[in-house]
C-alpha atoms as a PDB file:
ATOM      1  CA  MET A   1     -57.386 -83.067   7.708  1.00  0.00           C
ATOM      2  CA  HIS A   2     -53.787 -82.935   8.858  1.00  0.00           C
ATOM      3  CA  ALA A   3     -52.439 -84.969  11.408  1.00  0.00           C
ATOM      4  CA  VAL A   4     -49.945 -82.089  12.255  1.00  0.00           C
ATOM      5  CA  SER A   5     -50.395 -78.623  12.852  1.00  0.00           C
ATOM      6  CA  PRO A   6     -48.752 -76.592  10.521  1.00  0.00           C
ATOM      7  CA  LEU A   7     -47.540 -74.039  13.152  1.00  0.00           C
ATOM      8  CA  PRO A   8     -44.563 -76.025  13.763  1.00  0.00           C
ATOM      9  CA  ARG A   9     -43.117 -75.634  10.349  1.00  0.00           C
ATOM     10  CA  ARG A  10     -43.763 -72.230  10.514  1.00  0.00           C
ATOM     11  CA  ARG A  11     -41.873 -71.847  13.767  1.00  0.00           C
ATOM     12  CA  GLY A  12     -39.330 -73.618  12.208  1.00  0.00           C
ATOM     13  CA  PHE A  13     -39.396 -71.493   9.206  1.00  0.00           C
ATOM     14  CA  GLU A  14     -38.536 -68.441  11.636  1.00  0.00           C
ATOM     15  CA  LEU A  15     -36.154 -70.197  13.568  1.00  0.00           C
ATOM     16  CA  LEU A  16     -33.906 -70.826  10.654  1.00  0.00           C
ATOM     17  CA  VAL A  17     -34.318 -67.353   9.274  1.00  0.00           C
ATOM     18  CA  ALA A  18     -33.320 -65.990  12.823  1.00  0.00           C
ATOM     19  CA  HIS A  19     -29.911 -68.222  12.444  1.00  0.00           C
ATOM     20  CA  CYS A  20     -29.381 -67.168   9.246  1.00  0.00           C
ATOM     21  CA  ALA A  21     -29.538 -63.460   9.949  1.00  0.00           C
ATOM     22  CA  SER A  22     -27.532 -64.026  13.003  1.00  0.00           C
ATOM     23  CA  LEU A  23     -24.654 -65.064  10.659  1.00  0.00           C
ATOM     24  CA  ASP A  24     -24.763 -61.343   9.627  1.00  0.00           C
ATOM     25  CA  PRO A  25     -21.312 -59.381  11.242  1.00  0.00           C
ATOM     26  CA  ASP A  26     -23.372 -56.359  11.649  1.00  0.00           C
ATOM     27  CA  ALA A  27     -26.601 -58.120  13.092  1.00  0.00           C
ATOM     28  CA  PRO A  28     -26.718 -58.099  16.863  1.00  0.00           C
ATOM     29  CA  SER A  29     -25.058 -60.939  19.123  1.00  0.00           C
ATOM     30  CA  ALA A  30     -27.465 -63.080  20.756  1.00  0.00           C
ATOM     31  CA  ARG A  31     -26.736 -61.812  24.115  1.00  0.00           C
ATOM     32  CA  ASP A  32     -27.517 -58.480  22.589  1.00  0.00           C
ATOM     33  CA  ARG A  33     -30.984 -60.043  21.611  1.00  0.00           C
ATOM     34  CA  LEU A  34     -31.282 -61.815  24.914  1.00  0.00           C
ATOM     35  CA  ASP A  35     -30.702 -58.733  26.939  1.00  0.00           C
ATOM     36  CA  THR A  36     -33.456 -56.988  24.546  1.00  0.00           C
ATOM     37  CA  ALA A  37     -36.303 -59.583  25.014  1.00  0.00           C
ATOM     38  CA  LEU A  38     -35.720 -60.327  28.872  1.00  0.00           C
ATOM     39  CA  GLY A  39     -33.870 -57.187  30.150  1.00  0.00           C
ATOM     40  CA  ARG A  40     -29.841 -57.129  31.234  1.00  0.00           C
ATOM     41  CA  GLU A  41     -30.448 -58.472  34.547  1.00  0.00           C
ATOM     42  CA  LEU A  42     -32.427 -61.051  33.977  1.00  0.00           C
ATOM     43  CA  ALA A  43     -30.445 -62.050  31.011  1.00  0.00           C
ATOM     44  CA  GLN A  44     -27.564 -62.328  33.167  1.00  0.00           C
ATOM     45  CA  ARG A  45     -29.411 -64.445  35.569  1.00  0.00           C
ATOM     46  CA  LEU A  46     -30.541 -66.770  33.064  1.00  0.00           C
ATOM     47  CA  VAL A  47     -27.257 -66.914  31.345  1.00  0.00           C
ATOM     48  CA  LEU A  48     -25.488 -67.110  34.618  1.00  0.00           C
ATOM     49  CA  ALA A  49     -28.132 -70.273  36.104  1.00  0.00           C
ATOM     50  CA  LEU A  50     -27.681 -72.032  32.732  1.00  0.00           C
ATOM     51  CA  THR A  51     -24.059 -72.350  32.407  1.00  0.00           C
ATOM     52  CA  ARG A  52     -24.047 -73.379  36.088  1.00  0.00           C
ATOM     53  CA  ALA A  53     -26.266 -76.572  35.434  1.00  0.00           C
ATOM     54  CA  GLY A  54     -24.433 -77.455  32.450  1.00  0.00           C
ATOM     55  CA  SER A  55     -20.883 -77.526  34.035  1.00  0.00           C
ATOM     56  CA  GLU A  56     -22.177 -79.397  37.139  1.00  0.00           C
ATOM     57  CA  ARG A  57     -24.175 -81.764  34.785  1.00  0.00           C
ATOM     58  CA  PHE A  58     -20.567 -82.599  32.891  1.00  0.00           C
ATOM     59  CA  ALA A  59     -18.713 -82.779  36.275  1.00  0.00           C
ATOM     60  CA  ALA A  60     -20.957 -85.494  37.623  1.00  0.00           C
END
């Protein structure tokens, strides 16, 4: 019996592979991937909201 599910390791590996692939200059940018995954309008709203939340947190 495993105390920890093997899924986190698999997800971590997938994230590492995705990160390494993003270092390829011919790979799509993070913004392009976000636009593809969420649609351009939702991606813009998300980035704007996260940027505002981050800047407000550091301004306080």
